[in-house]
Amino acid sequence: MSYQTGNGGNMTESDNFTHSKKSGFVQASGIPLDTIPALVFMVFILVINSGIILLISCYSRLRTTSNIILGSLAVSDFLVGFVGIPLLVTCSSIYITSICLSTNIFFIFMALPPCYTSP
């Protein structure tokens, strides 16, 4: 199949594929290339923080005050990796207003210090 371009020439589907590769998108899956690092970080965040949460919950000698604070931070980071990054990738991929709004609300909620969230 060929398409008419603005300068009078024809553009085939193979030209469209090479053009889409140059613009930063993978044609086969539809995932923007700039979201791949976020997905890699998401995997690392989920694995490392779930390991920390599992260690603190399984071994009672690790349940010291400082490790409980570390565990709380691990839960917060795990939520960012489990909810926030997929919302961010989805928002940057398909630009649906409700998903982008949910992404902004989630990251604002996660960024608020505890003194602002409790009455």
C-alpha atoms as a PDB file:
ATOM      1  CA  MET A   1       0.000   0.000   0.000  1.00  0.00           C
ATOM      2  CA  SER A   2       1.325   3.441  -0.807  1.00  0.00           C
ATOM      3  CA  TYR A   3       0.424   6.830   0.607  1.00  0.00           C
ATOM      4  CA  GLN A   4       0.602  10.263  -0.968  1.00  0.00           C
ATOM      5  CA  THR A   5       3.110  12.556   0.724  1.00  0.00           C
ATOM      6  CA  GLY A   6       3.031  16.335   0.812  1.00  0.00           C
ATOM      7  CA  ASN A   7       5.744  16.798  -1.818  1.00  0.00           C
ATOM      8  CA  GLY A   8       4.016  14.675  -4.488  1.00  0.00           C
ATOM      9  CA  GLY A   9       5.945  11.449  -3.839  1.00  0.00           C
ATOM     10  CA  ASN A  10       4.584   8.134  -2.688  1.00  0.00           C
ATOM     11  CA  MET A  11       5.409   6.606   0.680  1.00  0.00           C
ATOM     12  CA  THR A  12       5.096   2.850   1.167  1.00  0.00           C
ATOM     13  CA  GLU A  13       4.432   0.965   4.408  1.00  0.00           C
ATOM     14  CA  SER A  14       8.138   0.102   4.693  1.00  0.00           C
ATOM     15  CA  ASP A  15       8.942   3.829   4.556  1.00  0.00           C
ATOM     16  CA  ASN A  16       6.342   4.360   7.270  1.00  0.00           C
ATOM     17  CA  PHE A  17       8.010   1.702   9.434  1.00  0.00           C
ATOM     18  CA  THR A  18      11.455   3.240   9.087  1.00  0.00           C
ATOM     19  CA  HIS A  19       9.976   6.689   9.732  1.00  0.00           C
ATOM     20  CA  SER A  20       8.265   5.450  12.878  1.00  0.00           C
ATOM     21  CA  LYS A  21      11.532   3.936  14.111  1.00  0.00           C
ATOM     22  CA  LYS A  22      13.219   7.301  13.675  1.00  0.00           C
ATOM     23  CA  SER A  23      10.501   9.091  15.646  1.00  0.00           C
ATOM     24  CA  GLY A  24      11.176   7.023  18.781  1.00  0.00           C
ATOM     25  CA  PHE A  25       8.400   4.436  18.615  1.00  0.00           C
ATOM     26  CA  VAL A  26       8.586   0.691  18.163  1.00  0.00           C
ATOM     27  CA  GLN A  27       6.023  -0.132  15.489  1.00  0.00           C
ATOM     28  CA  ALA A  28       5.414  -3.770  16.453  1.00  0.00           C
ATOM     29  CA  SER A  29       4.419  -3.208  20.078  1.00  0.00           C
ATOM     30  CA  GLY A  30       3.463   0.468  20.179  1.00  0.00           C
ATOM     31  CA  ILE A  31       5.610   1.161  23.258  1.00  0.00           C
ATOM     32  CA  PRO A  32       7.619   4.391  23.118  1.00  0.00           C
ATOM     33  CA  LEU A  33      11.344   3.782  23.441  1.00  0.00           C
ATOM     34  CA  ASP A  34      11.682   6.371  26.203  1.00  0.00           C
ATOM     35  CA  THR A  35       9.504   4.249  28.521  1.00  0.00           C
ATOM     36  CA  ILE A  36      11.804   1.215  28.427  1.00  0.00           C
ATOM     37  CA  PRO A  37      14.176   2.597  31.124  1.00  0.00           C
ATOM     38  CA  ALA A  38      11.160   3.263  33.353  1.00  0.00           C
ATOM     39  CA  LEU A  39      10.037  -0.339  32.946  1.00  0.00           C
ATOM     40  CA  VAL A  40      13.538  -1.612  33.787  1.00  0.00           C
ATOM     41  CA  PHE A  41      13.612   0.583  36.905  1.00  0.00           C
ATOM     42  CA  MET A  42      10.147  -0.693  37.817  1.00  0.00           C
ATOM     43  CA  VAL A  43      11.404  -4.299  37.822  1.00  0.00           C
ATOM     44  CA  PHE A  44      14.395  -3.386  40.004  1.00  0.00           C
ATOM     45  CA  ILE A  45      12.205  -1.375  42.386  1.00  0.00           C
ATOM     46  CA  LEU A  46       9.724  -4.229  42.794  1.00  0.00           C
ATOM     47  CA  VAL A  47      12.363  -6.935  43.312  1.00  0.00           C
ATOM     48  CA  ILE A  48      14.602  -5.033  45.732  1.00  0.00           C
ATOM     49  CA  ASN A  49      11.820  -3.541  47.855  1.00  0.00           C
ATOM     50  CA  SER A  50       9.851  -6.779  48.045  1.00  0.00           C
ATOM     51  CA  GLY A  51      13.062  -8.452  49.238  1.00  0.00           C
ATOM     52  CA  ILE A  52      13.477  -5.842  51.969  1.00  0.00           C
ATOM     53  CA  ILE A  53       9.833  -6.170  53.026  1.00  0.00           C
ATOM     54  CA  LEU A  54      10.111  -9.967  53.055  1.00  0.00           C
ATOM     55  CA  LEU A  55      13.321  -9.961  55.119  1.00  0.00           C
ATOM     56  CA  ILE A  56      11.954  -7.580  57.740  1.00  0.00           C
ATOM     57  CA  SER A  57       8.670  -9.451  58.019  1.00  0.00           C
ATOM     58  CA  CYS A  58      10.230 -12.942  58.232  1.00  0.00           C
ATOM     59  CA  TYR A  59      13.132 -12.363  60.628  1.00  0.00           C
ATOM     60  CA  SER A  60      12.145 -10.991  64.014  1.00  0.00           C
ATOM     61  CA  ARG A  61      15.681  -9.908  64.872  1.00  0.00           C
ATOM     62  CA  LEU A  62      15.530  -7.441  61.968  1.00  0.00           C
ATOM     63  CA  ARG A  63      12.510  -5.680  63.468  1.00  0.00           C
ATOM     64  CA  THR A  64      14.402  -2.840  65.079  1.00  0.00           C
ATOM     65  CA  THR A  65      13.228   0.768  65.035  1.00  0.00           C
ATOM     66  CA  SER A  66      15.558   1.780  62.228  1.00  0.00           C
ATOM     67  CA  ASN A  67      14.619  -1.257  60.140  1.00  0.00           C
ATOM     68  CA  ILE A  68      10.904  -0.544  60.617  1.00  0.00           C
ATOM     69  CA  ILE A  69      11.515   2.927  59.164  1.00  0.00           C
ATOM     70  CA  LEU A  70      13.450   1.285  56.326  1.00  0.00           C
ATOM     71  CA  GLY A  71      10.531  -1.111  55.803  1.00  0.00           C
ATOM     72  CA  SER A  72       8.103   1.794  55.636  1.00  0.00           C
ATOM     73  CA  LEU A  73      10.244   3.411  52.959  1.00  0.00           C
ATOM     74  CA  ALA A  74      10.379   0.087  51.099  1.00  0.00           C
ATOM     75  CA  VAL A  75       6.562  -0.144  51.131  1.00  0.00           C
ATOM     76  CA  SER A  76       6.307   3.391  49.774  1.00  0.00           C
ATOM     77  CA  ASP A  77       8.840   2.674  47.026  1.00  0.00           C
ATOM     78  CA  PHE A  78       7.098  -0.610  46.215  1.00  0.00           C
ATOM     79  CA  LEU A  79       3.813   1.270  45.716  1.00  0.00           C
ATOM     80  CA  VAL A  80       5.541   3.710  43.366  1.00  0.00           C
ATOM     81  CA  GLY A  81       6.948   0.801  41.374  1.00  0.00           C
ATOM     82  CA  PHE A  82       3.704  -1.177  41.402  1.00  0.00           C
ATOM     83  CA  VAL A  83       1.201   1.640  40.760  1.00  0.00           C
ATOM     84  CA  GLY A  84       2.998   4.872  39.857  1.00  0.00           C
ATOM     85  CA  ILE A  85       5.400   3.793  37.135  1.00  0.00           C
ATOM     86  CA  PRO A  86       2.808   1.738  35.194  1.00  0.00           C
ATOM     87  CA  LEU A  87       0.437   4.727  35.341  1.00  0.00           C
ATOM     88  CA  LEU A  88       3.222   7.012  34.124  1.00  0.00           C
ATOM     89  CA  VAL A  89       4.140   4.684  31.252  1.00  0.00           C
ATOM     90  CA  THR A  90       0.492   4.333  30.265  1.00  0.00           C
ATOM     91  CA  CYS A  91      -0.026   8.090  30.364  1.00  0.00           C
ATOM     92  CA  SER A  92       3.029   8.743  28.206  1.00  0.00           C
ATOM     93  CA  SER A  93       1.999   6.020  25.742  1.00  0.00           C
ATOM     94  CA  ILE A  94      -1.693   6.651  25.084  1.00  0.00           C
ATOM     95  CA  TYR A  95      -2.448  10.100  26.593  1.00  0.00           C
ATOM     96  CA  ILE A  96      -5.861   9.402  28.115  1.00  0.00           C
ATOM     97  CA  THR A  97      -6.858  12.322  30.328  1.00  0.00           C
ATOM     98  CA  SER A  98      -8.209  10.207  33.198  1.00  0.00           C
ATOM     99  CA  ILE A  99      -5.037   8.092  33.368  1.00  0.00           C
ATOM    100  CA  CYS A 100      -2.784  11.164  33.271  1.00  0.00           C
ATOM    101  CA  LEU A 101      -4.892  12.805  35.995  1.00  0.00           C
ATOM    102  CA  SER A 102      -4.653   9.639  38.104  1.00  0.00           C
ATOM    103  CA  THR A 103      -0.882   9.635  37.600  1.00  0.00           C
ATOM    104  CA  ASN A 104      -0.571  13.234  38.788  1.00  0.00           C
ATOM    105  CA  ILE A 105      -2.806  12.643  41.816  1.00  0.00           C
ATOM    106  CA  PHE A 106      -0.859   9.501  42.770  1.00  0.00           C
ATOM    107  CA  PHE A 107       2.538  11.207  42.613  1.00  0.00           C
ATOM    108  CA  ILE A 108       1.261  14.272  44.498  1.00  0.00           C
ATOM    109  CA  PHE A 109      -0.141  11.966  47.191  1.00  0.00           C
ATOM    110  CA  MET A 110       3.124  10.022  47.431  1.00  0.00           C
ATOM    111  CA  ALA A 111       5.186  13.233  47.625  1.00  0.00           C
ATOM    112  CA  LEU A 112       3.229  14.787  50.504  1.00  0.00           C
ATOM    113  CA  PRO A 113       4.986  14.506  53.848  1.00  0.00           C
ATOM    114  CA  PRO A 114       3.030  12.901  56.681  1.00  0.00           C
ATOM    115  CA  CYS A 115       2.583  16.225  58.488  1.00  0.00           C
ATOM    116  CA  TYR A 116       0.397  17.480  55.599  1.00  0.00           C
ATOM    117  CA  THR A 117      -1.724  14.349  55.217  1.00  0.00           C
ATOM    118  CA  SER A 118      -2.881  13.982  58.817  1.00  0.00           C
ATOM    119  CA  PRO A 119      -5.143  16.553  60.495  1.00  0.00           C
END
